[in-house]
Amino acid sequence: MAEMSNKSCVIVAAGNIDDVSAIKTFADSADFVIAADAGYVYCRKAGVEPDLFVGDYDSSKKPETQKELIALNPIKDATDTETALTVAEKRGYKEITLLGALGGRVDHTLANIILIAQAKQRGTDLTIIDSHHKIFAVKNESVTIKRKSAKYYLSVFSVGGDSIVSESGVYYPLSDYALSPFSALGVSNEITSDEAVITVKKGTVIIVEADRL
């Protein structure tokens, strides 16, 4: 299991993916690729054959494949994407990138973002990435975020309780601020230096990096 902790997995869901070539970029550097439900359509457009297919295929055709396929009952308590995440974690993957998680239905977008915080509590680093965003969780630690464009933003949201947060290298700095999960104060901060540092002394936050849309 210790060896597996350094291996990475990519999950491709069925939300919006503007540039399917990004799938191949991430897949080429990952150890394992899972297609959640209709996410396999994006994969094949990108020339990537997933290692594992997971889904109930109630809104898409069941794929023809010689690879492993886990067919789910449409009547279930977890989304196809959450099930794919659970399978990845059970197989030892702790560094997971989720593509196709945003856009489309808002309820699925919110559910996917919630998965980031849930995974963090289990020691899994789940990151959602699309053409304009990178979303991940930080728990009781510091992270450095490099500015990737002239106008580059980050937002910080507490989840599961108050978090003690400090932010530097940003337009609106914070110092040991008690950020409530019911507060939107952390939204749309601008990185003003080459990099920003976010320190969470207590609690868990979700960080959203975004370029200017």
N, C-alpha and C. Protein backbone atom coordinates (compact mmCIF):
# COMPACT_ATOMS: atom_id res chain seq x y z
N MET A 1 0.83 -1.21 0.00
CA MET A 1 0.00 0.00 0.00
C MET A 1 0.86 1.26 0.00
N ALA A 2 2.02 1.21 0.66
CA ALA A 2 2.89 2.38 0.69
C ALA A 2 3.36 2.76 -0.70
N GLU A 3 3.63 1.76 -1.54
CA GLU A 3 4.06 2.05 -2.90
C GLU A 3 2.93 2.67 -3.70
N MET A 4 1.69 2.20 -3.49
CA MET A 4 0.55 2.72 -4.22
C MET A 4 0.27 4.18 -3.90
N SER A 5 0.67 4.63 -2.69
CA SER A 5 0.34 5.99 -2.27
C SER A 5 0.96 7.04 -3.18
N ASN A 6 2.02 6.68 -3.91
CA ASN A 6 2.67 7.62 -4.81
C ASN A 6 2.12 7.55 -6.23
N LYS A 7 1.20 6.65 -6.47
CA LYS A 7 0.65 6.50 -7.81
C LYS A 7 -0.60 7.35 -7.98
N SER A 8 -0.86 7.73 -9.21
CA SER A 8 -1.95 8.67 -9.47
C SER A 8 -3.01 8.05 -10.37
N CYS A 9 -4.20 8.59 -10.23
CA CYS A 9 -5.34 8.11 -11.00
C CYS A 9 -6.08 9.31 -11.58
N VAL A 10 -6.60 9.15 -12.78
CA VAL A 10 -7.45 10.16 -13.40
C VAL A 10 -8.85 9.57 -13.57
N ILE A 11 -9.84 10.32 -13.12
CA ILE A 11 -11.24 9.95 -13.34
C ILE A 11 -11.83 10.95 -14.32
N VAL A 12 -12.46 10.44 -15.37
CA VAL A 12 -13.09 11.31 -16.36
C VAL A 12 -14.60 11.15 -16.24
N ALA A 13 -15.26 12.22 -15.83
CA ALA A 13 -16.72 12.21 -15.67
C ALA A 13 -17.38 12.80 -16.92
N ALA A 14 -18.69 12.92 -16.87
CA ALA A 14 -19.45 13.28 -18.07
C ALA A 14 -19.90 14.74 -18.11
N GLY A 15 -19.27 15.60 -17.28
CA GLY A 15 -19.59 17.02 -17.33
C GLY A 15 -18.97 17.68 -18.55
N ASN A 16 -18.79 18.99 -18.49
CA ASN A 16 -18.23 19.71 -19.64
C ASN A 16 -16.72 19.56 -19.71
N ILE A 17 -16.21 19.25 -20.88
CA ILE A 17 -14.77 19.26 -21.15
C ILE A 17 -14.57 20.00 -22.46
N ASP A 18 -14.04 21.21 -22.38
CA ASP A 18 -13.87 22.04 -23.57
C ASP A 18 -12.78 21.51 -24.50
N ASP A 19 -11.72 21.02 -23.91
CA ASP A 19 -10.56 20.57 -24.69
C ASP A 19 -10.26 19.12 -24.33
N VAL A 20 -10.72 18.19 -25.17
CA VAL A 20 -10.54 16.77 -24.84
C VAL A 20 -9.08 16.35 -24.89
N SER A 21 -8.23 17.13 -25.57
CA SER A 21 -6.81 16.77 -25.62
C SER A 21 -6.19 16.79 -24.23
N ALA A 22 -6.79 17.56 -23.32
CA ALA A 22 -6.29 17.60 -21.94
C ALA A 22 -6.40 16.23 -21.28
N ILE A 23 -7.38 15.45 -21.69
CA ILE A 23 -7.55 14.11 -21.11
C ILE A 23 -6.31 13.27 -21.37
N LYS A 24 -5.82 13.31 -22.60
CA LYS A 24 -4.63 12.53 -22.94
C LYS A 24 -3.42 13.02 -22.17
N THR A 25 -3.31 14.33 -22.01
CA THR A 25 -2.19 14.89 -21.26
C THR A 25 -2.16 14.35 -19.84
N PHE A 26 -3.31 14.36 -19.18
CA PHE A 26 -3.37 13.86 -17.81
C PHE A 26 -3.25 12.34 -17.77
N ALA A 27 -3.87 11.67 -18.72
CA ALA A 27 -3.82 10.20 -18.74
C ALA A 27 -2.40 9.69 -18.95
N ASP A 28 -1.64 10.37 -19.79
CA ASP A 28 -0.27 9.93 -20.09
C ASP A 28 0.63 9.99 -18.86
N SER A 29 0.31 10.86 -17.91
CA SER A 29 1.14 10.98 -16.72
C SER A 29 0.55 10.26 -15.51
N ALA A 30 -0.58 9.58 -15.71
CA ALA A 30 -1.23 8.86 -14.61
C ALA A 30 -0.96 7.37 -14.71
N ASP A 31 -1.17 6.69 -13.61
CA ASP A 31 -0.98 5.24 -13.57
C ASP A 31 -2.25 4.47 -13.89
N PHE A 32 -3.40 5.15 -13.77
CA PHE A 32 -4.68 4.45 -13.96
C PHE A 32 -5.73 5.47 -14.38
N VAL A 33 -6.59 5.07 -15.32
CA VAL A 33 -7.64 5.96 -15.82
C VAL A 33 -8.99 5.27 -15.66
N ILE A 34 -9.93 5.99 -15.03
CA ILE A 34 -11.29 5.48 -14.86
C ILE A 34 -12.25 6.40 -15.60
N ALA A 35 -13.15 5.82 -16.37
CA ALA A 35 -14.22 6.59 -17.01
C ALA A 35 -15.49 6.39 -16.20
N ALA A 36 -16.04 7.49 -15.70
CA ALA A 36 -17.29 7.44 -14.95
C ALA A 36 -18.44 7.66 -15.91
N ASP A 37 -19.25 6.63 -16.09
CA ASP A 37 -20.41 6.66 -16.98
C ASP A 37 -20.01 7.18 -18.37
N ALA A 38 -20.70 8.22 -18.87
CA ALA A 38 -20.45 8.68 -20.24
C ALA A 38 -19.11 9.39 -20.40
N GLY A 39 -18.32 9.48 -19.35
CA GLY A 39 -16.99 10.05 -19.47
C GLY A 39 -16.13 9.29 -20.47
N TYR A 40 -16.48 8.03 -20.72
CA TYR A 40 -15.69 7.24 -21.68
C TYR A 40 -15.78 7.82 -23.09
N VAL A 41 -16.88 8.53 -23.39
CA VAL A 41 -17.02 9.15 -24.72
C VAL A 41 -15.95 10.21 -24.92
N TYR A 42 -15.73 11.04 -23.89
CA TYR A 42 -14.65 12.03 -23.94
C TYR A 42 -13.30 11.34 -24.10
N CYS A 43 -13.10 10.27 -23.33
CA CYS A 43 -11.81 9.56 -23.38
C CYS A 43 -11.51 9.08 -24.80
N ARG A 44 -12.48 8.47 -25.42
CA ARG A 44 -12.24 7.91 -26.75
C ARG A 44 -12.06 9.00 -27.79
N LYS A 45 -12.72 10.14 -27.61
CA LYS A 45 -12.48 11.27 -28.51
C LYS A 45 -11.04 11.75 -28.38
N ALA A 46 -10.47 11.59 -27.18
CA ALA A 46 -9.10 12.02 -26.94
C ALA A 46 -8.09 10.93 -27.29
N GLY A 47 -8.57 9.77 -27.72
CA GLY A 47 -7.66 8.68 -28.04
C GLY A 47 -7.15 7.94 -26.83
N VAL A 48 -7.93 7.97 -25.75
CA VAL A 48 -7.55 7.30 -24.50
C VAL A 48 -8.55 6.19 -24.20
N GLU A 49 -8.05 4.99 -23.99
CA GLU A 49 -8.91 3.88 -23.59
C GLU A 49 -8.76 3.69 -22.08
N PRO A 50 -9.83 3.93 -21.32
CA PRO A 50 -9.74 3.82 -19.86
C PRO A 50 -9.34 2.40 -19.41
N ASP A 51 -8.73 2.34 -18.25
CA ASP A 51 -8.40 1.04 -17.66
C ASP A 51 -9.62 0.41 -17.00
N LEU A 52 -10.57 1.28 -16.61
CA LEU A 52 -11.76 0.81 -15.91
C LEU A 52 -12.95 1.69 -16.30
N PHE A 53 -14.09 1.05 -16.53
CA PHE A 53 -15.34 1.75 -16.82
C PHE A 53 -16.29 1.54 -15.64
N VAL A 54 -16.89 2.63 -15.14
CA VAL A 54 -17.83 2.54 -14.02
C VAL A 54 -19.06 3.37 -14.36
N GLY A 55 -20.25 2.79 -14.23
CA GLY A 55 -21.44 3.59 -14.48
C GLY A 55 -22.70 2.75 -14.55
N ASP A 56 -23.84 3.45 -14.48
CA ASP A 56 -25.12 2.76 -14.64
C ASP A 56 -25.62 2.86 -16.08
N TYR A 57 -25.04 3.78 -16.85
CA TYR A 57 -25.33 3.94 -18.27
C TYR A 57 -26.83 4.09 -18.54
N ASP A 58 -27.48 4.85 -17.65
CA ASP A 58 -28.90 5.11 -17.84
C ASP A 58 -29.14 6.25 -18.82
N SER A 59 -28.12 7.05 -19.07
CA SER A 59 -28.27 8.17 -20.01
C SER A 59 -27.25 8.10 -21.14
N SER A 60 -26.56 6.98 -21.25
CA SER A 60 -25.60 6.79 -22.34
C SER A 60 -25.52 5.30 -22.66
N LYS A 61 -25.00 5.00 -23.82
CA LYS A 61 -24.87 3.61 -24.24
C LYS A 61 -23.76 2.93 -23.45
N LYS A 62 -24.01 1.71 -23.04
CA LYS A 62 -22.98 0.94 -22.34
C LYS A 62 -21.82 0.68 -23.30
N PRO A 63 -20.60 0.99 -22.89
CA PRO A 63 -19.48 0.86 -23.82
C PRO A 63 -19.13 -0.59 -24.14
N GLU A 64 -18.67 -0.79 -25.35
CA GLU A 64 -18.11 -2.08 -25.72
C GLU A 64 -16.62 -2.03 -25.45
N THR A 65 -16.14 -2.92 -24.62
CA THR A 65 -14.74 -2.89 -24.22
C THR A 65 -14.29 -4.25 -23.73
N GLN A 66 -13.00 -4.50 -23.85
CA GLN A 66 -12.39 -5.70 -23.29
C GLN A 66 -11.79 -5.40 -21.91
N LYS A 67 -11.82 -4.13 -21.53
CA LYS A 67 -11.29 -3.73 -20.22
C LYS A 67 -12.33 -4.00 -19.13
N GLU A 68 -11.91 -3.82 -17.90
CA GLU A 68 -12.80 -4.05 -16.77
C GLU A 68 -13.95 -3.04 -16.77
N LEU A 69 -15.15 -3.53 -16.51
CA LEU A 69 -16.33 -2.67 -16.47
C LEU A 69 -17.16 -3.02 -15.24
N ILE A 70 -17.48 -2.01 -14.45
CA ILE A 70 -18.35 -2.19 -13.29
C ILE A 70 -19.69 -1.53 -13.62
N ALA A 71 -20.71 -2.37 -13.87
CA ALA A 71 -22.04 -1.87 -14.20
C ALA A 71 -22.84 -1.66 -12.92
N LEU A 72 -23.37 -0.46 -12.75
CA LEU A 72 -24.09 -0.11 -11.53
C LEU A 72 -25.59 -0.13 -11.74
N ASN A 73 -26.31 -0.40 -10.67
CA ASN A 73 -27.77 -0.28 -10.69
C ASN A 73 -28.13 1.20 -10.69
N PRO A 74 -29.00 1.65 -11.60
CA PRO A 74 -29.38 3.08 -11.61
C PRO A 74 -30.02 3.54 -10.31
N ILE A 75 -30.59 2.62 -9.54
CA ILE A 75 -31.18 2.96 -8.25
C ILE A 75 -30.10 2.76 -7.19
N LYS A 76 -29.47 3.86 -6.77
CA LYS A 76 -28.32 3.76 -5.88
C LYS A 76 -28.18 5.02 -5.05
N ASP A 77 -27.30 4.98 -4.06
CA ASP A 77 -27.11 6.10 -3.13
C ASP A 77 -25.90 6.95 -3.45
N ALA A 78 -25.12 6.57 -4.44
CA ALA A 78 -23.92 7.33 -4.81
C ALA A 78 -23.93 7.58 -6.31
N THR A 79 -23.39 8.72 -6.71
CA THR A 79 -23.28 9.01 -8.14
C THR A 79 -22.23 8.09 -8.77
N ASP A 80 -22.25 8.03 -10.09
CA ASP A 80 -21.24 7.24 -10.79
C ASP A 80 -19.83 7.76 -10.49
N THR A 81 -19.71 9.08 -10.41
CA THR A 81 -18.39 9.68 -10.13
C THR A 81 -17.92 9.33 -8.72
N GLU A 82 -18.83 9.40 -7.75
CA GLU A 82 -18.45 9.04 -6.38
C GLU A 82 -18.05 7.57 -6.30
N THR A 83 -18.77 6.72 -7.01
CA THR A 83 -18.42 5.30 -7.01
C THR A 83 -17.04 5.09 -7.63
N ALA A 84 -16.76 5.81 -8.71
CA ALA A 84 -15.43 5.71 -9.34
C ALA A 84 -14.35 6.14 -8.36
N LEU A 85 -14.61 7.19 -7.60
CA LEU A 85 -13.65 7.65 -6.59
C LEU A 85 -13.45 6.59 -5.52
N THR A 86 -14.53 6.00 -5.06
CA THR A 86 -14.44 4.96 -4.03
C THR A 86 -13.61 3.77 -4.51
N VAL A 87 -13.83 3.37 -5.76
CA VAL A 87 -13.07 2.26 -6.33
C VAL A 87 -11.59 2.62 -6.40
N ALA A 88 -11.29 3.83 -6.84
CA ALA A 88 -9.89 4.26 -6.94
C ALA A 88 -9.21 4.24 -5.57
N GLU A 89 -9.90 4.73 -4.55
CA GLU A 89 -9.33 4.75 -3.21
C GLU A 89 -9.12 3.33 -2.68
N LYS A 90 -10.08 2.45 -2.93
CA LYS A 90 -9.94 1.07 -2.45
C LYS A 90 -8.77 0.36 -3.12
N ARG A 91 -8.41 0.83 -4.31
CA ARG A 91 -7.28 0.24 -5.01
C ARG A 91 -5.96 0.93 -4.67
N GLY A 92 -6.03 1.85 -3.72
CA GLY A 92 -4.81 2.43 -3.18
C GLY A 92 -4.39 3.77 -3.73
N TYR A 93 -5.18 4.35 -4.62
CA TYR A 93 -4.81 5.64 -5.20
C TYR A 93 -5.20 6.78 -4.27
N LYS A 94 -4.23 7.64 -3.97
CA LYS A 94 -4.44 8.77 -3.06
C LYS A 94 -4.24 10.12 -3.74
N GLU A 95 -3.74 10.11 -4.97
CA GLU A 95 -3.58 11.32 -5.77
C GLU A 95 -4.48 11.17 -6.99
N ILE A 96 -5.62 11.85 -6.97
CA ILE A 96 -6.64 11.63 -8.00
C ILE A 96 -7.04 12.95 -8.64
N THR A 97 -7.02 12.98 -9.96
CA THR A 97 -7.48 14.14 -10.73
C THR A 97 -8.83 13.81 -11.34
N LEU A 98 -9.76 14.73 -11.18
CA LEU A 98 -11.11 14.53 -11.70
C LEU A 98 -11.38 15.53 -12.82
N LEU A 99 -11.61 15.02 -14.02
CA LEU A 99 -11.93 15.84 -15.18
C LEU A 99 -13.41 15.67 -15.53
N GLY A 100 -14.00 16.67 -16.18
CA GLY A 100 -15.40 16.57 -16.55
C GLY A 100 -16.34 16.63 -15.37
N ALA A 101 -15.91 17.32 -14.31
CA ALA A 101 -16.70 17.38 -13.08
C ALA A 101 -17.54 18.64 -12.96
N LEU A 102 -17.28 19.62 -13.83
CA LEU A 102 -17.97 20.91 -13.74
C LEU A 102 -18.86 21.12 -14.96
N GLY A 103 -19.74 22.11 -14.87
CA GLY A 103 -20.64 22.38 -15.98
C GLY A 103 -21.80 21.40 -15.98
N GLY A 104 -22.69 21.55 -16.93
CA GLY A 104 -23.84 20.66 -16.96
C GLY A 104 -24.77 20.95 -15.80
N ARG A 105 -25.29 19.91 -15.18
CA ARG A 105 -26.22 20.08 -14.06
C ARG A 105 -25.51 20.61 -12.83
N VAL A 106 -26.11 21.65 -12.23
CA VAL A 106 -25.50 22.28 -11.06
C VAL A 106 -25.44 21.32 -9.89
N ASP A 107 -26.45 20.46 -9.73
CA ASP A 107 -26.44 19.55 -8.59
C ASP A 107 -25.26 18.59 -8.66
N HIS A 108 -24.93 18.12 -9.85
CA HIS A 108 -23.78 17.23 -9.99
C HIS A 108 -22.47 17.99 -9.78
N THR A 109 -22.43 19.24 -10.22
CA THR A 109 -21.24 20.06 -9.98
C THR A 109 -20.99 20.22 -8.49
N LEU A 110 -22.05 20.57 -7.74
CA LEU A 110 -21.91 20.73 -6.30
C LEU A 110 -21.52 19.41 -5.63
N ALA A 111 -22.13 18.32 -6.07
CA ALA A 111 -21.81 17.01 -5.49
C ALA A 111 -20.34 16.67 -5.71
N ASN A 112 -19.82 16.99 -6.88
CA ASN A 112 -18.42 16.69 -7.18
C ASN A 112 -17.47 17.52 -6.33
N ILE A 113 -17.83 18.78 -6.08
CA ILE A 113 -16.99 19.63 -5.23
C ILE A 113 -17.01 19.12 -3.79
N ILE A 114 -18.17 18.66 -3.34
CA ILE A 114 -18.27 18.08 -1.99
C ILE A 114 -17.36 16.86 -1.86
N LEU A 115 -17.22 16.10 -2.94
CA LEU A 115 -16.35 14.92 -2.91
C LEU A 115 -14.92 15.28 -2.56
N ILE A 116 -14.48 16.48 -2.96
CA ILE A 116 -13.11 16.92 -2.67
C ILE A 116 -12.89 16.97 -1.16
N ALA A 117 -13.84 17.58 -0.44
CA ALA A 117 -13.71 17.70 1.01
C ALA A 117 -13.83 16.33 1.68
N GLN A 118 -14.74 15.51 1.21
CA GLN A 118 -14.90 14.17 1.78
C GLN A 118 -13.61 13.37 1.62
N ALA A 119 -13.05 13.41 0.42
CA ALA A 119 -11.83 12.64 0.15
C ALA A 119 -10.68 13.10 1.04
N LYS A 120 -10.60 14.41 1.27
CA LYS A 120 -9.50 14.94 2.10
C LYS A 120 -9.55 14.37 3.51
N GLN A 121 -10.75 14.17 4.04
CA GLN A 121 -10.88 13.61 5.38
C GLN A 121 -10.36 12.17 5.43
N ARG A 122 -10.34 11.51 4.29
CA ARG A 122 -9.84 10.13 4.22
C ARG A 122 -8.37 10.09 3.82
N GLY A 123 -7.75 11.25 3.68
CA GLY A 123 -6.34 11.30 3.32
C GLY A 123 -6.08 11.23 1.83
N THR A 124 -7.12 11.46 1.03
CA THR A 124 -6.98 11.43 -0.43
C THR A 124 -6.99 12.85 -0.98
N ASP A 125 -6.05 13.15 -1.86
CA ASP A 125 -6.00 14.45 -2.52
C ASP A 125 -6.73 14.35 -3.85
N LEU A 126 -7.95 14.85 -3.88
CA LEU A 126 -8.77 14.86 -5.08
C LEU A 126 -8.79 16.28 -5.63
N THR A 127 -8.42 16.43 -6.90
CA THR A 127 -8.36 17.75 -7.53
C THR A 127 -9.23 17.76 -8.77
N ILE A 128 -10.13 18.74 -8.84
CA ILE A 128 -10.94 18.95 -10.04
C ILE A 128 -10.24 19.98 -10.92
N ILE A 129 -10.13 19.67 -12.20
CA ILE A 129 -9.47 20.58 -13.13
C ILE A 129 -10.30 20.70 -14.40
N ASP A 130 -10.45 21.95 -14.88
CA ASP A 130 -10.98 22.16 -16.22
C ASP A 130 -10.16 23.27 -16.88
N SER A 131 -10.64 23.81 -17.97
CA SER A 131 -9.85 24.78 -18.73
C SER A 131 -9.55 26.06 -17.96
N HIS A 132 -10.37 26.38 -16.96
CA HIS A 132 -10.22 27.65 -16.26
C HIS A 132 -10.07 27.52 -14.75
N HIS A 133 -10.24 26.32 -14.20
CA HIS A 133 -10.26 26.16 -12.75
C HIS A 133 -9.42 24.98 -12.27
N LYS A 134 -8.94 25.14 -11.05
CA LYS A 134 -8.34 24.03 -10.31
C LYS A 134 -8.93 24.11 -8.90
N ILE A 135 -9.54 23.03 -8.45
CA ILE A 135 -10.24 23.03 -7.17
C ILE A 135 -9.71 21.87 -6.32
N PHE A 136 -9.32 22.18 -5.10
CA PHE A 136 -8.76 21.15 -4.22
C PHE A 136 -8.98 21.55 -2.77
N ALA A 137 -8.67 20.65 -1.86
CA ALA A 137 -8.88 20.90 -0.43
C ALA A 137 -7.55 20.99 0.30
N VAL A 138 -7.55 21.78 1.36
CA VAL A 138 -6.38 21.91 2.24
C VAL A 138 -6.86 21.69 3.67
N LYS A 139 -6.13 20.87 4.39
CA LYS A 139 -6.51 20.57 5.78
C LYS A 139 -5.29 20.68 6.68
N ASN A 140 -5.32 21.61 7.61
CA ASN A 140 -4.27 21.76 8.62
C ASN A 140 -2.87 21.82 8.00
N GLU A 141 -2.71 22.64 6.95
CA GLU A 141 -1.42 22.73 6.27
C GLU A 141 -1.33 24.03 5.49
N SER A 142 -0.16 24.29 4.90
CA SER A 142 0.05 25.46 4.05
C SER A 142 0.28 25.02 2.62
N VAL A 143 -0.19 25.84 1.68
CA VAL A 143 0.06 25.58 0.26
C VAL A 143 0.51 26.88 -0.40
N THR A 144 1.35 26.74 -1.40
CA THR A 144 1.80 27.88 -2.19
C THR A 144 1.18 27.78 -3.58
N ILE A 145 0.56 28.87 -4.02
CA ILE A 145 -0.12 28.89 -5.31
C ILE A 145 0.56 29.93 -6.19
N LYS A 146 1.09 29.50 -7.31
CA LYS A 146 1.77 30.41 -8.23
C LYS A 146 0.76 31.11 -9.14
N ARG A 147 1.00 32.38 -9.38
CA ARG A 147 0.15 33.13 -10.31
C ARG A 147 0.48 32.69 -11.72
N LYS A 148 -0.53 32.26 -12.46
CA LYS A 148 -0.31 31.70 -13.78
C LYS A 148 -0.69 32.65 -14.91
N SER A 149 -1.27 33.79 -14.57
CA SER A 149 -1.62 34.79 -15.58
C SER A 149 -1.68 36.15 -14.90
N ALA A 150 -1.79 37.21 -15.70
CA ALA A 150 -1.79 38.56 -15.14
C ALA A 150 -2.94 38.76 -14.16
N LYS A 151 -4.09 38.22 -14.49
CA LYS A 151 -5.24 38.26 -13.60
C LYS A 151 -5.55 36.84 -13.16
N TYR A 152 -5.13 36.50 -11.95
CA TYR A 152 -5.33 35.14 -11.47
C TYR A 152 -5.95 35.20 -10.08
N TYR A 153 -7.03 34.46 -9.90
CA TYR A 153 -7.83 34.57 -8.70
C TYR A 153 -7.83 33.28 -7.90
N LEU A 154 -8.08 33.43 -6.61
CA LEU A 154 -8.32 32.26 -5.78
C LEU A 154 -9.42 32.58 -4.79
N SER A 155 -10.19 31.56 -4.48
CA SER A 155 -11.25 31.67 -3.49
C SER A 155 -11.06 30.57 -2.46
N VAL A 156 -11.40 30.88 -1.21
CA VAL A 156 -11.22 29.93 -0.11
C VAL A 156 -12.54 29.81 0.64
N PHE A 157 -13.02 28.58 0.77
CA PHE A 157 -14.28 28.32 1.46
C PHE A 157 -14.06 27.26 2.54
N SER A 158 -14.51 27.57 3.74
CA SER A 158 -14.40 26.61 4.82
C SER A 158 -15.51 25.56 4.70
N VAL A 159 -15.18 24.33 5.05
CA VAL A 159 -16.18 23.25 5.02
C VAL A 159 -16.11 22.45 6.31
N GLY A 160 -17.26 22.06 6.81
CA GLY A 160 -17.30 21.18 7.98
C GLY A 160 -17.11 21.87 9.31
N GLY A 161 -17.04 23.18 9.34
CA GLY A 161 -16.81 23.92 10.58
C GLY A 161 -15.90 25.10 10.33
N ASP A 162 -15.71 25.94 11.36
CA ASP A 162 -14.83 27.09 11.22
C ASP A 162 -13.40 26.65 10.96
N SER A 163 -12.70 27.41 10.12
CA SER A 163 -11.30 27.15 9.83
C SER A 163 -10.49 28.40 10.16
N ILE A 164 -9.28 28.21 10.66
CA ILE A 164 -8.38 29.33 10.95
C ILE A 164 -7.45 29.49 9.75
N VAL A 165 -7.63 30.60 9.03
CA VAL A 165 -6.98 30.77 7.72
C VAL A 165 -6.15 32.04 7.67
N SER A 166 -4.96 31.92 7.06
CA SER A 166 -4.14 33.09 6.74
C SER A 166 -3.86 33.08 5.25
N GLU A 167 -3.86 34.27 4.64
CA GLU A 167 -3.57 34.39 3.21
C GLU A 167 -2.59 35.54 3.00
N SER A 168 -1.53 35.29 2.24
CA SER A 168 -0.57 36.35 1.90
C SER A 168 -0.28 36.31 0.41
N GLY A 169 0.23 37.44 -0.11
CA GLY A 169 0.47 37.54 -1.54
C GLY A 169 -0.79 37.76 -2.33
N VAL A 170 -1.84 38.25 -1.65
CA VAL A 170 -3.14 38.47 -2.28
C VAL A 170 -3.64 39.88 -1.98
N TYR A 171 -4.64 40.31 -2.74
CA TYR A 171 -5.17 41.67 -2.58
C TYR A 171 -5.84 41.85 -1.22
N TYR A 172 -6.52 40.80 -0.75
CA TYR A 172 -7.18 40.85 0.55
C TYR A 172 -6.52 39.82 1.48
N PRO A 173 -5.46 40.21 2.18
CA PRO A 173 -4.77 39.25 3.05
C PRO A 173 -5.59 38.94 4.31
N LEU A 174 -5.32 37.78 4.87
CA LEU A 174 -5.94 37.38 6.13
C LEU A 174 -4.86 36.89 7.08
N SER A 175 -5.10 37.06 8.37
CA SER A 175 -4.17 36.56 9.38
C SER A 175 -4.95 35.86 10.48
N ASP A 176 -4.82 34.55 10.53
CA ASP A 176 -5.50 33.73 11.53
C ASP A 176 -6.99 34.10 11.64
N TYR A 177 -7.62 34.18 10.50
CA TYR A 177 -9.04 34.55 10.45
C TYR A 177 -9.91 33.31 10.63
N ALA A 178 -10.94 33.43 11.47
CA ALA A 178 -11.87 32.33 11.68
C ALA A 178 -12.93 32.37 10.57
N LEU A 179 -12.72 31.54 9.57
CA LEU A 179 -13.61 31.53 8.40
C LEU A 179 -14.73 30.51 8.62
N SER A 180 -15.95 31.00 8.59
CA SER A 180 -17.12 30.15 8.81
C SER A 180 -17.52 29.44 7.52
N PRO A 181 -18.08 28.23 7.63
CA PRO A 181 -18.58 27.55 6.43
C PRO A 181 -19.80 28.24 5.83
N PHE A 182 -20.36 29.21 6.55
CA PHE A 182 -21.50 29.95 6.04
C PHE A 182 -21.09 31.31 5.47
N SER A 183 -19.77 31.53 5.37
CA SER A 183 -19.26 32.82 4.90
C SER A 183 -18.72 32.71 3.47
N ALA A 184 -19.02 33.74 2.67
CA ALA A 184 -18.46 33.83 1.31
C ALA A 184 -17.35 34.87 1.25
N LEU A 185 -16.81 35.25 2.42
CA LEU A 185 -15.78 36.28 2.47
C LEU A 185 -14.56 35.91 1.64
N GLY A 186 -14.27 34.63 1.53
CA GLY A 186 -13.05 34.20 0.85
C GLY A 186 -13.14 34.15 -0.66
N VAL A 187 -14.24 34.63 -1.24
CA VAL A 187 -14.42 34.49 -2.68
C VAL A 187 -13.62 35.54 -3.46
N SER A 188 -13.10 35.15 -4.61
CA SER A 188 -12.54 36.05 -5.62
C SER A 188 -11.45 36.98 -5.10
N ASN A 189 -10.47 36.40 -4.42
CA ASN A 189 -9.28 37.16 -4.05
C ASN A 189 -8.31 37.13 -5.23
N GLU A 190 -7.52 38.17 -5.37
CA GLU A 190 -6.60 38.25 -6.50
C GLU A 190 -5.16 38.08 -6.02
N ILE A 191 -4.41 37.22 -6.71
CA ILE A 191 -3.00 37.05 -6.38
C ILE A 191 -2.23 38.25 -6.93
N THR A 192 -1.53 38.95 -6.05
CA THR A 192 -0.83 40.17 -6.44
C THR A 192 0.68 39.99 -6.53
N SER A 193 1.19 38.88 -6.05
CA SER A 193 2.62 38.58 -6.12
C SER A 193 2.83 37.41 -7.09
N ASP A 194 4.06 36.96 -7.20
CA ASP A 194 4.32 35.80 -8.05
C ASP A 194 3.63 34.56 -7.51
N GLU A 195 3.42 34.55 -6.20
CA GLU A 195 2.75 33.41 -5.59
C GLU A 195 2.02 33.85 -4.33
N ALA A 196 1.01 33.08 -3.98
CA ALA A 196 0.26 33.31 -2.75
C ALA A 196 0.46 32.12 -1.83
N VAL A 197 0.38 32.39 -0.53
CA VAL A 197 0.50 31.32 0.46
C VAL A 197 -0.78 31.28 1.29
N ILE A 198 -1.40 30.11 1.32
CA ILE A 198 -2.60 29.89 2.12
C ILE A 198 -2.25 28.93 3.24
N THR A 199 -2.48 29.36 4.47
CA THR A 199 -2.18 28.52 5.63
C THR A 199 -3.47 28.24 6.39
N VAL A 200 -3.74 26.98 6.61
CA VAL A 200 -4.91 26.57 7.38
C VAL A 200 -4.41 25.93 8.67
N LYS A 201 -4.49 26.68 9.76
CA LYS A 201 -4.01 26.16 11.04
C LYS A 201 -4.97 25.15 11.63
N LYS A 202 -6.24 25.33 11.31
CA LYS A 202 -7.26 24.43 11.84
C LYS A 202 -8.38 24.31 10.83
N GLY A 203 -8.83 23.08 10.58
CA GLY A 203 -9.98 22.87 9.73
C GLY A 203 -9.63 22.50 8.30
N THR A 204 -10.66 22.49 7.48
CA THR A 204 -10.53 22.12 6.07
C THR A 204 -11.16 23.20 5.21
N VAL A 205 -10.46 23.59 4.16
CA VAL A 205 -11.01 24.56 3.22
C VAL A 205 -10.93 23.99 1.81
N ILE A 206 -11.83 24.46 0.97
CA ILE A 206 -11.75 24.19 -0.46
C ILE A 206 -11.21 25.44 -1.14
N ILE A 207 -10.19 25.26 -1.96
CA ILE A 207 -9.57 26.37 -2.68
C ILE A 207 -9.92 26.25 -4.16
N VAL A 208 -10.33 27.37 -4.73
CA VAL A 208 -10.64 27.44 -6.16
C VAL A 208 -9.66 28.40 -6.81
N GLU A 209 -8.83 27.90 -7.70
CA GLU A 209 -7.98 28.76 -8.52
C GLU A 209 -8.71 29.01 -9.83
N ALA A 210 -8.66 30.26 -10.30
CA ALA A 210 -9.37 30.58 -11.54
C ALA A 210 -8.64 31.68 -12.29
N ASP A 211 -8.53 31.51 -13.62
CA ASP A 211 -8.05 32.62 -14.42
C ASP A 211 -9.24 33.51 -14.75
N ARG A 212 -8.97 34.66 -15.34
CA ARG A 212 -10.06 35.61 -15.61
C ARG A 212 -10.85 35.14 -16.81
N LEU A 213 -12.13 34.84 -16.60
CA LEU A 213 -12.98 34.31 -17.67
C LEU A 213 -13.51 35.44 -18.52
